């Protein structure tokens, strides 16, 4: 009976934390990879289509992409809703 209680109160919550962390890490890496690939694609699009003339604005696509990256970071930080593993009642 004591063993079942210890298992219920310690091991099961630790397994839940492990699953929560594993899926969180996989999701974060996937989102990061997608954001980086998307930002590089946007940079190449701007360089090839919009800023293709030699007019001295070669820095502009980098600033535009940096602005989009900052917007993505801001959106990510404002969407974090669950600060802990404890369920609120």
N, C-alpha and C. Protein backbone atom coordinates (compact mmCIF):
# COMPACT_ATOMS: atom_id res chain seq x y z
N UNK A 1 0.82 -1.18 0.00
CA UNK A 1 0.00 0.00 0.00
C UNK A 1 0.88 1.26 0.00
N UNK A 2 1.94 1.25 0.79
CA UNK A 2 2.85 2.39 0.84
C UNK A 2 3.54 2.56 -0.51
N UNK A 3 3.92 1.46 -1.10
CA UNK A 3 4.59 1.51 -2.40
C UNK A 3 3.68 2.11 -3.45
N UNK A 4 2.43 1.72 -3.47
CA UNK A 4 1.47 2.28 -4.43
C UNK A 4 1.27 3.78 -4.21
N UNK A 5 1.25 4.18 -2.94
CA UNK A 5 1.08 5.59 -2.62
C UNK A 5 2.29 6.40 -3.11
N UNK A 6 3.50 5.89 -2.86
CA UNK A 6 4.71 6.59 -3.29
C UNK A 6 4.74 6.68 -4.81
N UNK A 7 4.36 5.61 -5.46
CA UNK A 7 4.33 5.62 -6.92
C UNK A 7 3.33 6.65 -7.44
N UNK A 8 2.20 6.70 -6.82
CA UNK A 8 1.15 7.63 -7.25
C UNK A 8 1.57 9.07 -7.03
N UNK A 9 2.22 9.35 -5.93
CA UNK A 9 2.54 10.73 -5.56
C UNK A 9 3.88 11.23 -6.08
N UNK A 10 4.77 10.34 -6.51
CA UNK A 10 6.09 10.80 -6.97
C UNK A 10 6.37 10.40 -8.41
N UNK A 11 6.26 9.14 -8.72
CA UNK A 11 6.68 8.69 -10.04
C UNK A 11 5.72 9.13 -11.15
N UNK A 12 4.43 9.04 -10.91
CA UNK A 12 3.48 9.43 -11.94
C UNK A 12 3.57 10.92 -12.29
N UNK A 13 3.67 11.83 -11.32
CA UNK A 13 3.85 13.24 -11.68
C UNK A 13 5.17 13.51 -12.40
N UNK A 14 6.24 12.79 -12.03
CA UNK A 14 7.51 12.98 -12.71
C UNK A 14 7.43 12.53 -14.16
N UNK A 15 6.70 11.45 -14.42
CA UNK A 15 6.51 11.02 -15.80
C UNK A 15 5.73 12.06 -16.60
N UNK A 16 4.74 12.66 -15.95
CA UNK A 16 3.98 13.71 -16.61
C UNK A 16 4.84 14.92 -16.94
N UNK A 17 5.73 15.27 -16.02
CA UNK A 17 6.64 16.39 -16.26
C UNK A 17 7.58 16.05 -17.42
N UNK A 18 8.07 14.84 -17.45
CA UNK A 18 8.97 14.42 -18.54
C UNK A 18 8.29 14.49 -19.88
N UNK A 19 7.05 14.03 -19.96
CA UNK A 19 6.30 14.11 -21.22
C UNK A 19 6.05 15.56 -21.61
N UNK A 20 5.68 16.36 -20.61
CA UNK A 20 5.40 17.78 -20.87
C UNK A 20 6.65 18.48 -21.40
N UNK A 21 7.80 18.22 -20.78
CA UNK A 21 9.05 18.82 -21.24
C UNK A 21 9.46 18.30 -22.61
N UNK A 22 9.30 17.01 -22.84
CA UNK A 22 9.70 16.44 -24.14
C UNK A 22 8.89 17.05 -25.27
N UNK A 23 7.58 17.09 -25.12
CA UNK A 23 6.76 17.67 -26.18
C UNK A 23 7.00 19.17 -26.33
N UNK A 24 7.28 19.85 -25.23
CA UNK A 24 7.59 21.27 -25.30
C UNK A 24 8.88 21.54 -26.05
N UNK A 25 9.89 20.73 -25.80
CA UNK A 25 11.17 20.90 -26.49
C UNK A 25 11.03 20.58 -27.97
N UNK A 26 10.33 19.50 -28.30
CA UNK A 26 10.11 19.14 -29.71
C UNK A 26 9.34 20.25 -30.43
N UNK A 27 8.32 20.77 -29.78
CA UNK A 27 7.54 21.85 -30.39
C UNK A 27 8.35 23.11 -30.56
N UNK A 28 9.17 23.46 -29.59
CA UNK A 28 9.99 24.66 -29.68
C UNK A 28 11.01 24.55 -30.80
N UNK A 29 11.65 23.40 -30.91
CA UNK A 29 12.63 23.20 -31.98
C UNK A 29 11.96 23.25 -33.34
N UNK A 30 10.78 22.66 -33.46
CA UNK A 30 10.06 22.69 -34.73
C UNK A 30 9.65 24.10 -35.12
N UNK A 31 9.14 24.86 -34.16
CA UNK A 31 8.77 26.24 -34.45
C UNK A 31 9.98 27.09 -34.80
N UNK A 32 11.08 26.88 -34.11
CA UNK A 32 12.30 27.63 -34.40
C UNK A 32 12.81 27.32 -35.80
N UNK A 33 12.83 26.05 -36.16
CA UNK A 33 13.29 25.65 -37.49
C UNK A 33 12.39 26.27 -38.57
N UNK A 34 11.08 26.20 -38.38
CA UNK A 34 10.16 26.77 -39.35
C UNK A 34 10.30 28.28 -39.46
N UNK A 35 10.51 28.96 -38.34
CA UNK A 35 10.67 30.42 -38.37
C UNK A 35 11.96 30.81 -39.08
N UNK A 36 13.04 30.10 -38.82
CA UNK A 36 14.32 30.41 -39.47
C UNK A 36 14.22 30.19 -40.97
N UNK A 37 13.65 29.07 -41.39
CA UNK A 37 13.51 28.79 -42.81
C UNK A 37 12.60 29.84 -43.48
N UNK A 38 11.52 30.20 -42.80
CA UNK A 38 10.62 31.22 -43.35
C UNK A 38 11.29 32.58 -43.46
N UNK A 39 12.06 32.97 -42.47
CA UNK A 39 12.75 34.26 -42.52
C UNK A 39 13.84 34.28 -43.59
N UNK A 40 14.55 33.18 -43.76
CA UNK A 40 15.55 33.11 -44.83
C UNK A 40 14.86 33.17 -46.19
N UNK A 41 13.72 32.50 -46.32
CA UNK A 41 12.96 32.57 -47.57
C UNK A 41 12.48 33.98 -47.86
N UNK A 42 12.00 34.68 -46.83
CA UNK A 42 11.58 36.08 -47.01
C UNK A 42 12.76 36.95 -47.41
N UNK A 43 13.91 36.73 -46.80
CA UNK A 43 15.11 37.49 -47.15
C UNK A 43 15.49 37.28 -48.61
N UNK A 44 15.50 36.03 -49.04
CA UNK A 44 15.85 35.74 -50.44
C UNK A 44 14.82 36.33 -51.40
N UNK A 45 13.54 36.28 -51.04
CA UNK A 45 12.50 36.87 -51.88
C UNK A 45 12.70 38.38 -52.01
N UNK A 46 12.94 39.04 -50.91
CA UNK A 46 13.16 40.48 -50.95
C UNK A 46 14.41 40.84 -51.74
N UNK A 47 15.46 40.07 -51.59
CA UNK A 47 16.69 40.34 -52.32
C UNK A 47 16.53 40.12 -53.82
N UNK A 48 15.78 39.10 -54.20
CA UNK A 48 15.67 38.74 -55.61
C UNK A 48 14.61 39.54 -56.35
N UNK A 49 13.54 39.92 -55.69
CA UNK A 49 12.43 40.54 -56.40
C UNK A 49 12.34 42.04 -56.14
N UNK A 50 12.36 42.43 -54.90
CA UNK A 50 12.09 43.83 -54.56
C UNK A 50 13.34 44.70 -54.66
N UNK A 51 14.44 44.24 -54.10
CA UNK A 51 15.66 45.05 -54.04
C UNK A 51 16.72 44.49 -54.98
N UNK A 52 16.36 44.24 -56.24
CA UNK A 52 17.32 43.65 -57.17
C UNK A 52 18.10 44.69 -57.96
N UNK A 53 17.73 45.97 -57.90
CA UNK A 53 18.49 47.00 -58.60
C UNK A 53 19.68 47.44 -57.73
N UNK A 54 20.79 47.79 -58.36
CA UNK A 54 21.95 48.26 -57.59
C UNK A 54 21.78 49.73 -57.18
N UNK A 55 20.92 50.00 -56.23
CA UNK A 55 20.63 51.38 -55.84
C UNK A 55 21.12 51.71 -54.44
N UNK A 56 21.93 50.87 -53.86
CA UNK A 56 22.50 51.16 -52.56
C UNK A 56 21.62 50.76 -51.39
N UNK A 57 20.50 50.10 -51.62
CA UNK A 57 19.62 49.66 -50.53
C UNK A 57 19.81 48.18 -50.22
N UNK A 58 21.03 47.72 -50.28
CA UNK A 58 21.27 46.29 -50.03
C UNK A 58 21.03 45.93 -48.57
N UNK A 59 21.03 46.90 -47.68
CA UNK A 59 20.80 46.66 -46.25
C UNK A 59 19.32 46.54 -45.92
N UNK A 60 18.44 47.05 -46.77
CA UNK A 60 17.01 47.10 -46.47
C UNK A 60 16.37 45.73 -46.25
N UNK A 61 16.64 44.73 -47.09
CA UNK A 61 16.01 43.41 -46.83
C UNK A 61 16.39 42.84 -45.46
N UNK A 62 17.61 43.07 -45.03
CA UNK A 62 18.05 42.56 -43.73
C UNK A 62 17.29 43.24 -42.60
N UNK A 63 17.06 44.54 -42.73
CA UNK A 63 16.32 45.26 -41.69
C UNK A 63 14.85 44.84 -41.67
N UNK A 64 14.28 44.61 -42.83
CA UNK A 64 12.88 44.16 -42.90
C UNK A 64 12.74 42.79 -42.25
N UNK A 65 13.64 41.87 -42.57
CA UNK A 65 13.60 40.52 -41.98
C UNK A 65 13.86 40.59 -40.48
N UNK A 66 14.76 41.46 -40.04
CA UNK A 66 15.00 41.61 -38.61
C UNK A 66 13.75 42.13 -37.91
N UNK A 67 13.02 43.04 -38.57
CA UNK A 67 11.75 43.52 -38.01
C UNK A 67 10.73 42.41 -37.89
N UNK A 68 10.63 41.57 -38.91
CA UNK A 68 9.71 40.42 -38.84
C UNK A 68 10.13 39.46 -37.72
N UNK A 69 11.43 39.26 -37.55
CA UNK A 69 11.91 38.37 -36.49
C UNK A 69 11.53 38.94 -35.12
N UNK A 70 11.66 40.24 -34.95
CA UNK A 70 11.27 40.86 -33.68
C UNK A 70 9.77 40.73 -33.44
N UNK A 71 8.98 40.86 -34.49
CA UNK A 71 7.53 40.68 -34.36
C UNK A 71 7.20 39.25 -33.95
N UNK A 72 7.88 38.27 -34.56
CA UNK A 72 7.67 36.86 -34.19
C UNK A 72 8.04 36.62 -32.73
N UNK A 73 9.14 37.20 -32.29
CA UNK A 73 9.55 37.03 -30.89
C UNK A 73 8.52 37.64 -29.96
N UNK A 74 8.06 38.84 -30.29
CA UNK A 74 7.06 39.52 -29.46
C UNK A 74 5.77 38.70 -29.40
N UNK A 75 5.31 38.20 -30.55
CA UNK A 75 4.09 37.38 -30.57
C UNK A 75 4.27 36.11 -29.74
N UNK A 76 5.43 35.49 -29.83
CA UNK A 76 5.67 34.28 -29.05
C UNK A 76 5.63 34.56 -27.55
N UNK A 77 6.25 35.65 -27.14
CA UNK A 77 6.28 35.97 -25.72
C UNK A 77 4.92 36.36 -25.18
N UNK A 78 4.08 36.99 -25.99
CA UNK A 78 2.76 37.39 -25.52
C UNK A 78 1.77 36.23 -25.52
N UNK A 79 2.08 35.14 -26.19
CA UNK A 79 1.16 34.00 -26.27
C UNK A 79 1.42 32.94 -25.23
N UNK A 80 2.47 33.06 -24.45
CA UNK A 80 2.77 32.09 -23.40
C UNK A 80 1.73 32.25 -22.30
N UNK A 81 0.96 31.18 -22.05
CA UNK A 81 -0.15 31.27 -21.11
C UNK A 81 0.00 30.38 -19.89
N UNK A 82 0.73 29.32 -20.00
CA UNK A 82 0.80 28.36 -18.90
C UNK A 82 2.17 28.42 -18.23
N UNK A 83 2.29 29.16 -17.13
CA UNK A 83 3.60 29.34 -16.52
C UNK A 83 4.09 28.14 -15.69
N UNK A 84 3.20 27.22 -15.33
CA UNK A 84 3.64 26.09 -14.51
C UNK A 84 2.87 24.83 -14.91
N UNK A 85 3.26 23.73 -14.32
CA UNK A 85 2.61 22.45 -14.58
C UNK A 85 1.36 22.24 -13.74
N UNK A 86 1.20 23.00 -12.68
CA UNK A 86 0.08 22.81 -11.79
C UNK A 86 -1.21 23.27 -12.42
N UNK A 87 -2.23 22.42 -12.36
CA UNK A 87 -3.52 22.79 -12.89
C UNK A 87 -4.21 23.75 -11.93
N UNK A 88 -4.70 24.83 -12.49
CA UNK A 88 -5.39 25.82 -11.65
C UNK A 88 -6.85 25.46 -11.57
N UNK A 89 -7.40 25.53 -10.37
CA UNK A 89 -8.81 25.17 -10.22
C UNK A 89 -9.68 26.39 -10.02
